[in-house]
C-alpha atoms as a PDB file:
ATOM      1  CA  MET A   1     -88.172 -34.172  76.261  1.00  0.00           C
ATOM      2  CA  ASP A   2     -90.465 -32.109  74.124  1.00  0.00           C
ATOM      3  CA  VAL A   3     -91.164 -32.533  70.426  1.00  0.00           C
ATOM      4  CA  ALA A   4     -88.999 -29.547  69.394  1.00  0.00           C
ATOM      5  CA  ASN A   5     -85.918 -31.034  71.075  1.00  0.00           C
ATOM      6  CA  LEU A   6     -86.657 -34.435  69.575  1.00  0.00           C
ATOM      7  CA  VAL A   7     -86.983 -32.963  66.060  1.00  0.00           C
ATOM      8  CA  THR A   8     -83.821 -30.871  66.526  1.00  0.00           C
ATOM      9  CA  SER A   9     -81.867 -33.899  67.754  1.00  0.00           C
ATOM     10  CA  PHE A  10     -83.157 -35.969  64.848  1.00  0.00           C
ATOM     11  CA  LEU A  11     -82.210 -33.290  62.298  1.00  0.00           C
ATOM     12  CA  VAL A  12     -78.760 -32.724  63.799  1.00  0.00           C
ATOM     13  CA  GLY A  13     -78.145 -36.468  63.877  1.00  0.00           C
ATOM     14  CA  THR A  14     -79.369 -36.915  60.314  1.00  0.00           C
ATOM     15  CA  VAL A  15     -77.285 -34.037  58.981  1.00  0.00           C
ATOM     16  CA  GLY A  16     -74.230 -35.243  60.950  1.00  0.00           C
ATOM     17  CA  ALA A  17     -74.683 -38.781  59.678  1.00  0.00           C
ATOM     18  CA  GLY A  18     -75.078 -37.447  56.123  1.00  0.00           C
ATOM     19  CA  ILE A  19     -71.875 -35.412  56.366  1.00  0.00           C
ATOM     20  CA  ALA A  20     -69.967 -38.324  57.904  1.00  0.00           C
ATOM     21  CA  GLY A  21     -71.350 -40.649  55.202  1.00  0.00           C
ATOM     22  CA  ALA A  22     -70.309 -38.262  52.438  1.00  0.00           C
ATOM     23  CA  ILE A  23     -66.784 -37.996  53.857  1.00  0.00           C
ATOM     24  CA  ILE A  24     -66.498 -41.766  54.180  1.00  0.00           C
ATOM     25  CA  LYS A  25     -67.889 -42.306  50.650  1.00  0.00           C
ATOM     26  CA  LYS A  26     -65.469 -39.759  49.174  1.00  0.00           C
ATOM     27  CA  ARG A  27     -62.538 -41.447  50.889  1.00  0.00           C
ATOM     28  CA  PHE A  28     -63.762 -44.872  49.738  1.00  0.00           C
ATOM     29  CA  ASP A  29     -64.194 -43.629  46.160  1.00  0.00           C
ATOM     30  CA  VAL A  30     -60.656 -42.217  46.129  1.00  0.00           C
ATOM     31  CA  GLU A  31     -59.217 -45.474  47.482  1.00  0.00           C
ATOM     32  CA  LEU A  32     -61.255 -47.479  44.979  1.00  0.00           C
ATOM     33  CA  ASP A  33     -59.999 -45.289  42.123  1.00  0.00           C
ATOM     34  CA  VAL A  34     -56.403 -45.802  43.275  1.00  0.00           C
ATOM     35  CA  TRP A  35     -56.944 -49.580  43.514  1.00  0.00           C
ATOM     36  CA  ARG A  36     -58.511 -49.675  40.026  1.00  0.00           C
ATOM     37  CA  SER A  37     -55.663 -47.605  38.606  1.00  0.00           C
ATOM     38  CA  GLN A  38     -53.058 -49.909  40.163  1.00  0.00           C
ATOM     39  CA  ARG A  39     -54.921 -52.998  38.921  1.00  0.00           C
ATOM     40  CA  ASP A  40     -55.235 -51.537  35.404  1.00  0.00           C
ATOM     41  CA  TRP A  41     -51.494 -50.788  35.344  1.00  0.00           C
ATOM     42  CA  LYS A  42     -50.683 -54.287  36.601  1.00  0.00           C
ATOM     43  CA  GLU A  43     -52.917 -55.827  33.906  1.00  0.00           C
ATOM     44  CA  MET A  44     -51.194 -53.768  31.212  1.00  0.00           C
ATOM     45  CA  SER A  45     -47.791 -54.716  32.599  1.00  0.00           C
ATOM     46  CA  VAL A  46     -48.691 -58.417  32.515  1.00  0.00           C
ATOM     47  CA  SER A  47     -50.359 -58.403  29.098  1.00  0.00           C
ATOM     48  CA  GLN A  48     -48.079 -56.008  27.218  1.00  0.00           C
ATOM     49  CA  LEU A  49     -44.673 -56.541  28.828  1.00  0.00           C
ATOM     50  CA  LEU A  50     -44.189 -59.232  31.459  1.00  0.00           C
ATOM     51  CA  GLY A  51     -46.154 -61.939  29.629  1.00  0.00           C
ATOM     52  CA  PRO A  52     -44.406 -61.471  26.276  1.00  0.00           C
ATOM     53  CA  VAL A  53     -40.991 -61.213  27.978  1.00  0.00           C
ATOM     54  CA  TYR A  54     -41.785 -64.360  29.996  1.00  0.00           C
ATOM     55  CA  LEU A  55     -42.604 -66.346  26.844  1.00  0.00           C
ATOM     56  CA  GLN A  56     -39.560 -65.078  24.938  1.00  0.00           C
ATOM     57  CA  LEU A  57     -37.290 -65.959  27.884  1.00  0.00           C
ATOM     58  CA  ALA A  58     -38.787 -69.464  27.976  1.00  0.00           C
ATOM     59  CA  ARG A  59     -38.448 -69.836  24.205  1.00  0.00           C
ATOM     60  CA  THR A  60     -34.816 -68.726  24.047  1.00  0.00           C
ATOM     61  CA  LYS A  61     -33.900 -70.837  27.096  1.00  0.00           C
ATOM     62  CA  ARG A  62     -35.344 -73.960  25.462  1.00  0.00           C
ATOM     63  CA  ALA A  63     -33.502 -73.174  22.235  1.00  0.00           C
ATOM     64  CA  PHE A  64     -30.269 -72.513  24.146  1.00  0.00           C
ATOM     65  CA  ASP A  65     -30.634 -75.844  25.991  1.00  0.00           C
ATOM     66  CA  ARG A  66     -30.723 -77.792  22.703  1.00  0.00           C
ATOM     67  CA  TRP A  67     -28.104 -75.661  20.946  1.00  0.00           C
ATOM     68  CA  ASN A  68     -25.174 -78.122  21.025  1.00  0.00           C
ATOM     69  CA  LYS A  69     -23.446 -77.264  17.752  1.00  0.00           C
ATOM     70  CA  LYS A  70     -23.429 -74.473  15.220  1.00  0.00           C
ATOM     71  CA  ASN A  71     -27.047 -74.083  14.171  1.00  0.00           C
ATOM     72  CA  PRO A  72     -27.871 -70.987  12.108  1.00  0.00           C
ATOM     73  CA  TYR A  73     -31.628 -71.453  12.542  1.00  0.00           C
ATOM     74  CA  LEU A  74     -31.537 -71.687  16.333  1.00  0.00           C
ATOM     75  CA  GLU A  75     -28.991 -68.913  16.639  1.00  0.00           C
ATOM     76  CA  GLY A  76     -30.523 -66.491  14.131  1.00  0.00           C
ATOM     77  CA  ASP A  77     -34.230 -67.231  14.001  1.00  0.00           C
ATOM     78  CA  VAL A  78     -34.892 -68.221  17.601  1.00  0.00           C
ATOM     79  CA  ILE A  79     -32.166 -66.881  19.904  1.00  0.00           C
ATOM     80  CA  ARG A  80     -31.552 -63.643  17.990  1.00  0.00           C
ATOM     81  CA  ALA A  81     -35.244 -63.012  17.337  1.00  0.00           C
ATOM     82  CA  GLY A  82     -36.054 -63.627  21.015  1.00  0.00           C
ATOM     83  CA  ASN A  83     -33.226 -61.390  22.204  1.00  0.00           C
ATOM     84  CA  VAL A  84     -34.388 -58.585  19.905  1.00  0.00           C
ATOM     85  CA  ALA A  85     -38.018 -59.021  20.995  1.00  0.00           C
ATOM     86  CA  ILE A  86     -37.171 -58.847  24.709  1.00  0.00           C
ATOM     87  CA  ARG A  87     -34.825 -55.903  24.293  1.00  0.00           C
ATOM     88  CA  ASP A  88     -37.330 -54.004  22.181  1.00  0.00           C
ATOM     89  CA  LEU A  89     -40.202 -54.657  24.611  1.00  0.00           C
ATOM     90  CA  LEU A  90     -38.118 -53.315  27.494  1.00  0.00           C
ATOM     91  CA  LEU A  91     -37.072 -50.254  25.500  1.00  0.00           C
ATOM     92  CA  GLU A  92     -40.538 -49.527  24.103  1.00  0.00           C
ATOM     93  CA  LYS A  93     -42.559 -50.067  27.289  1.00  0.00           C
ATOM     94  CA  PRO A  94     -40.457 -48.810  30.200  1.00  0.00           C
ATOM     95  CA  HIS A  95     -43.587 -47.365  31.846  1.00  0.00           C
ATOM     96  CA  LEU A  96     -44.800 -50.954  32.364  1.00  0.00           C
ATOM     97  CA  ILE A  97     -41.627 -52.164  34.087  1.00  0.00           C
ATOM     98  CA  PRO A  98     -42.332 -52.633  37.801  1.00  0.00           C
ATOM     99  CA  PRO A  99     -39.967 -50.451  39.853  1.00  0.00           C
ATOM    100  CA  ALA A 100     -38.343 -53.507  41.453  1.00  0.00           C
ATOM    101  CA  LEU A 101     -37.359 -54.755  37.962  1.00  0.00           C
ATOM    102  CA  ARG A 102     -35.790 -51.590  36.566  1.00  0.00           C
ATOM    103  CA  GLU A 103     -32.219 -52.658  37.287  1.00  0.00           C
ATOM    104  CA  ALA A 104     -32.921 -56.170  35.977  1.00  0.00           C
ATOM    105  CA  ALA A 105     -34.371 -54.661  32.796  1.00  0.00           C
ATOM    106  CA  THR A 106     -31.248 -52.550  32.328  1.00  0.00           C
ATOM    107  CA  GLU A 107     -29.029 -55.627  32.763  1.00  0.00           C
ATOM    108  CA  LEU A 108     -31.025 -57.539  30.151  1.00  0.00           C
ATOM    109  CA  VAL A 109     -30.941 -54.656  27.657  1.00  0.00           C
ATOM    110  CA  VAL A 110     -27.179 -54.222  28.024  1.00  0.00           C
ATOM    111  CA  HIS A 111     -26.580 -57.970  27.653  1.00  0.00           C
ATOM    112  CA  TYR A 112     -28.773 -58.161  24.553  1.00  0.00           C
ATOM    113  CA  ASP A 113     -27.115 -55.091  23.012  1.00  0.00           C
ATOM    114  CA  VAL A 114     -23.670 -56.666  23.424  1.00  0.00           C
ATOM    115  CA  TRP A 115     -24.912 -60.073  22.218  1.00  0.00           C
ATOM    116  CA  LEU A 116     -26.498 -58.517  19.134  1.00  0.00           C
ATOM    117  CA  GLU A 117     -23.299 -56.610  18.430  1.00  0.00           C
ATOM    118  CA  GLU A 118     -21.337 -59.875  18.603  1.00  0.00           C
ATOM    119  CA  PHE A 119     -23.931 -61.656  16.474  1.00  0.00           C
ATOM    120  CA  GLU A 120     -23.692 -58.947  13.826  1.00  0.00           C
ATOM    121  CA  ARG A 121     -19.902 -59.101  13.979  1.00  0.00           C
ATOM    122  CA  TRP A 122     -19.752 -62.866  13.396  1.00  0.00           C
ATOM    123  CA  ARG A 123     -22.985 -63.741  11.633  1.00  0.00           C
ATOM    124  CA  GLY A 124     -24.188 -60.443  10.217  1.00  0.00           C
ATOM    125  CA  LYS A 125     -24.347 -59.652   6.560  1.00  0.00           C
ATOM    126  CA  ARG A 126     -22.396 -62.750   5.659  1.00  0.00           C
ATOM    127  CA  GLU A 127     -21.392 -65.562   7.927  1.00  0.00           C
ATOM    128  CA  GLN A 128     -17.654 -65.648   8.329  1.00  0.00           C
ATOM    129  CA  GLU A 129     -15.810 -68.907   7.884  1.00  0.00           C
ATOM    130  CA  THR A 130     -13.654 -68.456  10.967  1.00  0.00           C
ATOM    131  CA  GLY A 131     -16.294 -67.321  13.429  1.00  0.00           C
ATOM    132  CA  PRO A 132     -16.974 -68.921  16.784  1.00  0.00           C
ATOM    133  CA  GLU A 133     -19.223 -71.966  17.058  1.00  0.00           C
ATOM    134  CA  PHE A 134     -21.533 -70.014  19.361  1.00  0.00           C
ATOM    135  CA  VAL A 135     -22.055 -66.274  19.771  1.00  0.00           C
ATOM    136  CA  PHE A 136     -21.813 -65.183  23.412  1.00  0.00           C
ATOM    137  CA  ALA A 137     -21.666 -61.800  25.144  1.00  0.00           C
ATOM    138  CA  GLY A 138     -20.018 -63.235  28.265  1.00  0.00           C
ATOM    139  CA  PRO A 139     -16.451 -63.050  26.941  1.00  0.00           C
ATOM    140  CA  GLN A 140     -16.984 -59.294  26.440  1.00  0.00           C
ATOM    141  CA  GLY A 141     -17.864 -58.972  30.127  1.00  0.00           C
ATOM    142  CA  PHE A 142     -21.649 -59.218  29.760  1.00  0.00           C
ATOM    143  CA  PRO A 143     -22.734 -62.750  30.665  1.00  0.00           C
ATOM    144  CA  PHE A 144     -26.415 -63.536  30.676  1.00  0.00           C
ATOM    145  CA  PRO A 145     -28.012 -61.953  33.787  1.00  0.00           C
ATOM    146  CA  TRP A 146     -29.676 -65.047  35.276  1.00  0.00           C
ATOM    147  CA  GLU A 147     -30.906 -63.165  38.342  1.00  0.00           C
ATOM    148  CA  ALA A 148     -32.601 -60.591  36.121  1.00  0.00           C
ATOM    149  CA  GLU A 149     -34.347 -63.378  34.212  1.00  0.00           C
ATOM    150  CA  ARG A 150     -35.445 -64.994  37.489  1.00  0.00           C
ATOM    151  CA  ALA A 151     -36.804 -61.672  38.757  1.00  0.00           C
ATOM    152  CA  PHE A 152     -38.861 -61.159  35.591  1.00  0.00           C
ATOM    153  CA  VAL A 153     -40.245 -64.708  35.668  1.00  0.00           C
ATOM    154  CA  GLU A 154     -41.146 -64.517  39.361  1.00  0.00           C
ATOM    155  CA  THR A 155     -42.771 -61.096  38.982  1.00  0.00           C
ATOM    156  CA  PHE A 156     -44.837 -62.226  35.999  1.00  0.00           C
ATOM    157  CA  GLU A 157     -46.011 -65.329  37.856  1.00  0.00           C
ATOM    158  CA  ARG A 158     -46.842 -63.355  41.017  1.00  0.00           C
ATOM    159  CA  TYR A 159     -48.701 -60.605  39.152  1.00  0.00           C
ATOM    160  CA  TRP A 160     -50.594 -63.172  37.089  1.00  0.00           C
ATOM    161  CA  GLN A 161     -51.641 -65.025  40.263  1.00  0.00           C
ATOM    162  CA  ASP A 162     -52.733 -61.760  41.881  1.00  0.00           C
ATOM    163  CA  LEU A 163     -54.802 -60.768  38.865  1.00  0.00           C
ATOM    164  CA  TYR A 164     -56.316 -63.975  37.536  1.00  0.00           C
ATOM    165  CA  ALA A 165     -55.941 -66.998  39.812  1.00  0.00           C
ATOM    166  CA  ALA A 166     -58.976 -66.174  41.961  1.00  0.00           C
ATOM    167  CA  ASP A 167     -61.123 -65.526  38.871  1.00  0.00           C
ATOM    168  CA  ILE A 168     -60.104 -68.854  37.343  1.00  0.00           C
ATOM    169  CA  ALA A 169     -60.743 -70.709  40.607  1.00  0.00           C
ATOM    170  CA  ARG A 170     -64.120 -69.014  40.905  1.00  0.00           C
ATOM    171  CA  GLY A 171     -64.964 -69.962  37.308  1.00  0.00           C
ATOM    172  CA  LYS A 172     -64.186 -73.617  37.981  1.00  0.00           C
ATOM    173  CA  LYS A 173     -66.506 -73.622  40.996  1.00  0.00           C
ATOM    174  CA  GLU A 174     -69.350 -72.180  38.904  1.00  0.00           C
ATOM    175  CA  ASN A 175     -69.049 -74.871  36.207  1.00  0.00           C
END
């Protein structure tokens, strides 16, 4: 093999490797951008929607569990406020609802709309003397959608684990 063939082979190989490297890098960069975009969306979903909904669901469930007689504070300042907060989050941030939760979100919004209508009817501007002990949407055909709540809680916990559990574990190892 003479020097000219060796130089030609080297140049062809170098150029070919450069082109292949550029193609691979471009593909990697695109995939990395997609991954970052998905992670950013998931972080926004957790911090701006799923996390606040998760806490409001937990808060209203705890209040509901101790609500054993007519209690205007629990009903109006905890249950009602939580129901409004969840409904408003779902209505204001639909772009952060994971696709698998869209139907669950709709069920929650409808339930809360009916519950708030009933609350206003019985406890609204002035509490009526003959109102029910508890305000429920179930008798109107809109019971609380327990499966929707479960789906939101499980999704929040899964997303949170995906995003932060490894970082927290890594931080503990470094300390």
